[in-house]
Amino acid sequence: MRCAIRRVFVEVWDPIGVMDDPEWPRDEYDGYIGRVFELLVLGGTDQEIVDYLEWAIARMGLDKSRVSLKSVVAALRAITWKGKSDSV
């Protein structure tokens, strides 16, 4: 599941806007995977996920309005997994 969250961060979220560069490290947002994983597994609400991603964007010093968080949450919710753990 953590790999799938990374994929969503790279392909859908990408608040910095750098993932179009194939040379940019794919682990740019890995520090945020753990909390999103917890929220998904423990039944966090969509608003809790949005609040966390907005916090992360603000922490990066970016404008949160640049990213559609509804589409990010939808992509995260579409992740399916077997069991409650996976590794990056």
N, C-alpha and C. Protein backbone atom coordinates (compact mmCIF):
# COMPACT_ATOMS: atom_id res chain seq x y z
N MET A 1 0.82 -1.20 0.00
CA MET A 1 0.00 0.00 0.00
C MET A 1 0.87 1.26 0.00
N ARG A 2 1.99 1.21 0.69
CA ARG A 2 2.86 2.39 0.74
C ARG A 2 3.40 2.74 -0.64
N CYS A 3 3.69 1.72 -1.43
CA CYS A 3 4.14 1.98 -2.81
C CYS A 3 3.02 2.65 -3.63
N ALA A 4 1.80 2.22 -3.39
CA ALA A 4 0.66 2.81 -4.10
C ALA A 4 0.45 4.26 -3.67
N ILE A 5 0.65 4.54 -2.38
CA ILE A 5 0.53 5.93 -1.91
C ILE A 5 1.61 6.78 -2.56
N ARG A 6 2.83 6.25 -2.63
CA ARG A 6 3.90 6.99 -3.31
C ARG A 6 3.50 7.30 -4.75
N ARG A 7 2.93 6.32 -5.42
CA ARG A 7 2.52 6.52 -6.82
C ARG A 7 1.48 7.65 -6.92
N VAL A 8 0.53 7.68 -6.00
CA VAL A 8 -0.46 8.77 -5.99
C VAL A 8 0.24 10.11 -5.75
N PHE A 9 1.16 10.14 -4.81
CA PHE A 9 1.89 11.39 -4.53
C PHE A 9 2.64 11.87 -5.76
N VAL A 10 3.26 10.96 -6.48
CA VAL A 10 4.06 11.32 -7.66
C VAL A 10 3.18 11.67 -8.85
N GLU A 11 2.14 10.88 -9.09
CA GLU A 11 1.33 11.04 -10.30
C GLU A 11 0.16 12.00 -10.15
N VAL A 12 -0.37 12.15 -8.94
CA VAL A 12 -1.58 12.96 -8.76
C VAL A 12 -1.31 14.19 -7.90
N TRP A 13 -0.66 14.02 -6.78
CA TRP A 13 -0.48 15.13 -5.83
C TRP A 13 0.61 16.09 -6.29
N ASP A 14 1.85 15.71 -6.25
CA ASP A 14 3.02 16.49 -6.70
C ASP A 14 2.87 18.00 -6.49
N PRO A 15 2.74 18.46 -5.24
CA PRO A 15 2.52 19.88 -5.00
C PRO A 15 3.67 20.78 -5.44
N ILE A 16 4.87 20.23 -5.51
CA ILE A 16 6.02 21.03 -5.95
C ILE A 16 6.01 21.16 -7.47
N GLY A 17 5.43 20.18 -8.15
CA GLY A 17 5.36 20.21 -9.61
C GLY A 17 6.64 19.79 -10.29
N VAL A 18 7.35 18.84 -9.69
CA VAL A 18 8.64 18.44 -10.23
C VAL A 18 8.66 17.04 -10.83
N MET A 19 7.58 16.30 -10.71
CA MET A 19 7.61 14.91 -11.13
C MET A 19 7.56 14.71 -12.64
N ASP A 20 7.38 15.77 -13.40
CA ASP A 20 7.49 15.65 -14.85
C ASP A 20 8.94 15.46 -15.27
N ASP A 21 9.86 15.82 -14.39
CA ASP A 21 11.29 15.66 -14.64
C ASP A 21 11.69 14.24 -14.27
N PRO A 22 12.03 13.39 -15.24
CA PRO A 22 12.36 12.00 -14.94
C PRO A 22 13.60 11.84 -14.06
N GLU A 23 14.41 12.87 -13.97
CA GLU A 23 15.61 12.83 -13.14
C GLU A 23 15.33 13.16 -11.68
N TRP A 24 14.15 13.70 -11.39
CA TRP A 24 13.83 14.10 -10.02
C TRP A 24 13.59 12.84 -9.18
N PRO A 25 14.11 12.79 -7.96
CA PRO A 25 13.94 11.60 -7.12
C PRO A 25 12.46 11.30 -6.85
N ARG A 26 12.08 10.05 -7.04
CA ARG A 26 10.70 9.63 -6.83
C ARG A 26 10.34 9.59 -5.34
N ASP A 27 11.33 9.70 -4.47
CA ASP A 27 11.06 9.64 -3.03
C ASP A 27 10.85 11.02 -2.41
N GLU A 28 10.65 12.02 -3.22
CA GLU A 28 10.50 13.41 -2.76
C GLU A 28 9.47 13.56 -1.63
N TYR A 29 8.38 12.82 -1.72
CA TYR A 29 7.28 12.99 -0.76
C TYR A 29 7.15 11.82 0.23
N ASP A 30 8.14 10.96 0.28
CA ASP A 30 8.04 9.76 1.12
C ASP A 30 7.84 10.07 2.60
N GLY A 31 8.29 11.22 3.05
CA GLY A 31 8.12 11.58 4.45
C GLY A 31 6.67 11.76 4.86
N TYR A 32 5.78 11.86 3.89
CA TYR A 32 4.36 12.07 4.17
C TYR A 32 3.53 10.79 4.03
N ILE A 33 4.16 9.73 3.56
CA ILE A 33 3.44 8.47 3.32
C ILE A 33 2.90 7.87 4.61
N GLY A 34 3.71 7.84 5.65
CA GLY A 34 3.33 7.17 6.89
C GLY A 34 2.01 7.64 7.47
N ARG A 35 1.84 8.94 7.57
CA ARG A 35 0.61 9.49 8.16
C ARG A 35 -0.60 9.20 7.27
N VAL A 36 -0.43 9.32 5.96
CA VAL A 36 -1.54 9.03 5.05
C VAL A 36 -1.90 7.55 5.14
N PHE A 37 -0.90 6.70 5.22
CA PHE A 37 -1.14 5.26 5.40
C PHE A 37 -1.97 5.03 6.66
N GLU A 38 -1.58 5.65 7.76
CA GLU A 38 -2.32 5.52 9.02
C GLU A 38 -3.77 5.98 8.87
N LEU A 39 -3.95 7.12 8.24
CA LEU A 39 -5.30 7.64 8.07
C LEU A 39 -6.16 6.69 7.25
N LEU A 40 -5.60 6.12 6.20
CA LEU A 40 -6.36 5.20 5.36
C LEU A 40 -6.69 3.91 6.11
N VAL A 41 -5.71 3.35 6.78
CA VAL A 41 -5.91 2.07 7.46
C VAL A 41 -6.82 2.20 8.68
N LEU A 42 -6.69 3.32 9.38
CA LEU A 42 -7.46 3.50 10.61
C LEU A 42 -8.82 4.17 10.39
N GLY A 43 -9.18 4.37 9.12
CA GLY A 43 -10.50 4.91 8.81
C GLY A 43 -10.63 6.41 8.93
N GLY A 44 -9.53 7.12 8.70
CA GLY A 44 -9.59 8.58 8.72
C GLY A 44 -10.57 9.10 7.68
N THR A 45 -11.14 10.25 7.95
CA THR A 45 -12.10 10.84 7.02
C THR A 45 -11.36 11.52 5.86
N ASP A 46 -12.11 11.79 4.80
CA ASP A 46 -11.53 12.53 3.68
C ASP A 46 -11.01 13.89 4.17
N GLN A 47 -11.76 14.53 5.05
CA GLN A 47 -11.34 15.84 5.55
C GLN A 47 -10.04 15.74 6.35
N GLU A 48 -9.85 14.68 7.10
CA GLU A 48 -8.60 14.50 7.84
C GLU A 48 -7.42 14.34 6.88
N ILE A 49 -7.64 13.63 5.78
CA ILE A 49 -6.58 13.48 4.78
C ILE A 49 -6.29 14.82 4.13
N VAL A 50 -7.33 15.55 3.75
CA VAL A 50 -7.16 16.89 3.16
C VAL A 50 -6.41 17.80 4.13
N ASP A 51 -6.82 17.79 5.40
CA ASP A 51 -6.15 18.64 6.39
C ASP A 51 -4.67 18.31 6.50
N TYR A 52 -4.34 17.02 6.49
CA TYR A 52 -2.94 16.63 6.58
C TYR A 52 -2.17 17.07 5.34
N LEU A 53 -2.73 16.85 4.16
CA LEU A 53 -2.05 17.25 2.93
C LEU A 53 -1.89 18.77 2.85
N GLU A 54 -2.89 19.51 3.33
CA GLU A 54 -2.76 20.98 3.37
C GLU A 54 -1.65 21.38 4.33
N TRP A 55 -1.55 20.70 5.46
CA TRP A 55 -0.46 20.96 6.40
C TRP A 55 0.89 20.69 5.74
N ALA A 56 0.98 19.56 5.02
CA ALA A 56 2.23 19.20 4.35
C ALA A 56 2.61 20.24 3.30
N ILE A 57 1.63 20.69 2.54
CA ILE A 57 1.88 21.70 1.51
C ILE A 57 2.36 23.00 2.15
N ALA A 58 1.71 23.41 3.23
CA ALA A 58 2.13 24.63 3.94
C ALA A 58 3.53 24.47 4.50
N ARG A 59 3.85 23.28 4.99
CA ARG A 59 5.19 23.01 5.53
C ARG A 59 6.25 23.16 4.44
N MET A 60 5.89 22.84 3.21
CA MET A 60 6.81 23.00 2.08
C MET A 60 6.89 24.46 1.64
N GLY A 61 6.05 25.31 2.22
CA GLY A 61 6.04 26.72 1.85
C GLY A 61 5.33 27.00 0.55
N LEU A 62 4.39 26.13 0.20
CA LEU A 62 3.68 26.25 -1.08
C LEU A 62 2.25 26.71 -0.88
N ASP A 63 1.63 27.13 -1.98
CA ASP A 63 0.23 27.56 -1.99
C ASP A 63 -0.65 26.33 -2.14
N LYS A 64 -1.50 26.08 -1.15
CA LYS A 64 -2.33 24.88 -1.17
C LYS A 64 -3.38 24.90 -2.27
N SER A 65 -3.73 26.06 -2.79
CA SER A 65 -4.77 26.13 -3.82
C SER A 65 -4.27 25.61 -5.16
N ARG A 66 -2.98 25.37 -5.28
CA ARG A 66 -2.38 24.91 -6.53
C ARG A 66 -2.75 23.45 -6.85
N VAL A 67 -3.13 22.70 -5.84
CA VAL A 67 -3.36 21.27 -5.99
C VAL A 67 -4.81 20.92 -5.65
N SER A 68 -5.45 20.10 -6.49
CA SER A 68 -6.81 19.64 -6.21
C SER A 68 -6.74 18.45 -5.25
N LEU A 69 -7.02 18.70 -4.00
CA LEU A 69 -6.91 17.64 -3.01
C LEU A 69 -8.05 16.63 -3.10
N LYS A 70 -9.17 17.02 -3.68
CA LYS A 70 -10.27 16.06 -3.86
C LYS A 70 -9.83 14.92 -4.78
N SER A 71 -9.11 15.24 -5.84
CA SER A 71 -8.64 14.19 -6.75
C SER A 71 -7.57 13.33 -6.09
N VAL A 72 -6.77 13.93 -5.22
CA VAL A 72 -5.75 13.17 -4.50
C VAL A 72 -6.42 12.18 -3.54
N VAL A 73 -7.39 12.66 -2.79
CA VAL A 73 -8.11 11.80 -1.85
C VAL A 73 -8.83 10.68 -2.61
N ALA A 74 -9.44 10.99 -3.73
CA ALA A 74 -10.12 9.96 -4.53
C ALA A 74 -9.13 8.89 -4.99
N ALA A 75 -7.96 9.31 -5.43
CA ALA A 75 -6.93 8.35 -5.86
C ALA A 75 -6.44 7.51 -4.69
N LEU A 76 -6.28 8.14 -3.52
CA LEU A 76 -5.86 7.39 -2.34
C LEU A 76 -6.93 6.39 -1.92
N ARG A 77 -8.18 6.79 -1.98
CA ARG A 77 -9.28 5.90 -1.60
C ARG A 77 -9.43 4.74 -2.59
N ALA A 78 -8.97 4.91 -3.81
CA ALA A 78 -9.07 3.86 -4.83
C ALA A 78 -8.03 2.76 -4.63
N ILE A 79 -7.06 3.00 -3.76
CA ILE A 79 -6.02 2.00 -3.50
C ILE A 79 -6.65 0.81 -2.78
N THR A 80 -6.35 -0.37 -3.28
CA THR A 80 -6.80 -1.59 -2.60
C THR A 80 -5.57 -2.35 -2.13
N TRP A 81 -5.72 -3.07 -1.05
CA TRP A 81 -4.58 -3.81 -0.53
C TRP A 81 -5.06 -5.07 0.18
N LYS A 82 -4.13 -6.00 0.33
CA LYS A 82 -4.40 -7.22 1.08
C LYS A 82 -3.78 -7.04 2.45
N GLY A 83 -4.57 -7.15 3.48
CA GLY A 83 -4.05 -6.96 4.83
C GLY A 83 -3.90 -5.50 5.15
N LYS A 84 -3.26 -5.23 6.24
CA LYS A 84 -3.12 -3.84 6.68
C LYS A 84 -1.68 -3.38 6.69
N SER A 85 -0.79 -4.08 6.02
CA SER A 85 0.59 -3.59 5.96
C SER A 85 1.19 -3.92 4.62
N ASP A 86 2.15 -3.12 4.26
CA ASP A 86 2.88 -3.25 3.01
C ASP A 86 4.16 -2.49 3.22
N SER A 87 5.11 -2.66 2.37
CA SER A 87 6.35 -1.90 2.54
C SER A 87 6.62 -1.06 1.32
N VAL A 88 7.39 -0.01 1.52
CA VAL A 88 7.74 0.89 0.43
C VAL A 88 8.72 0.21 -0.48
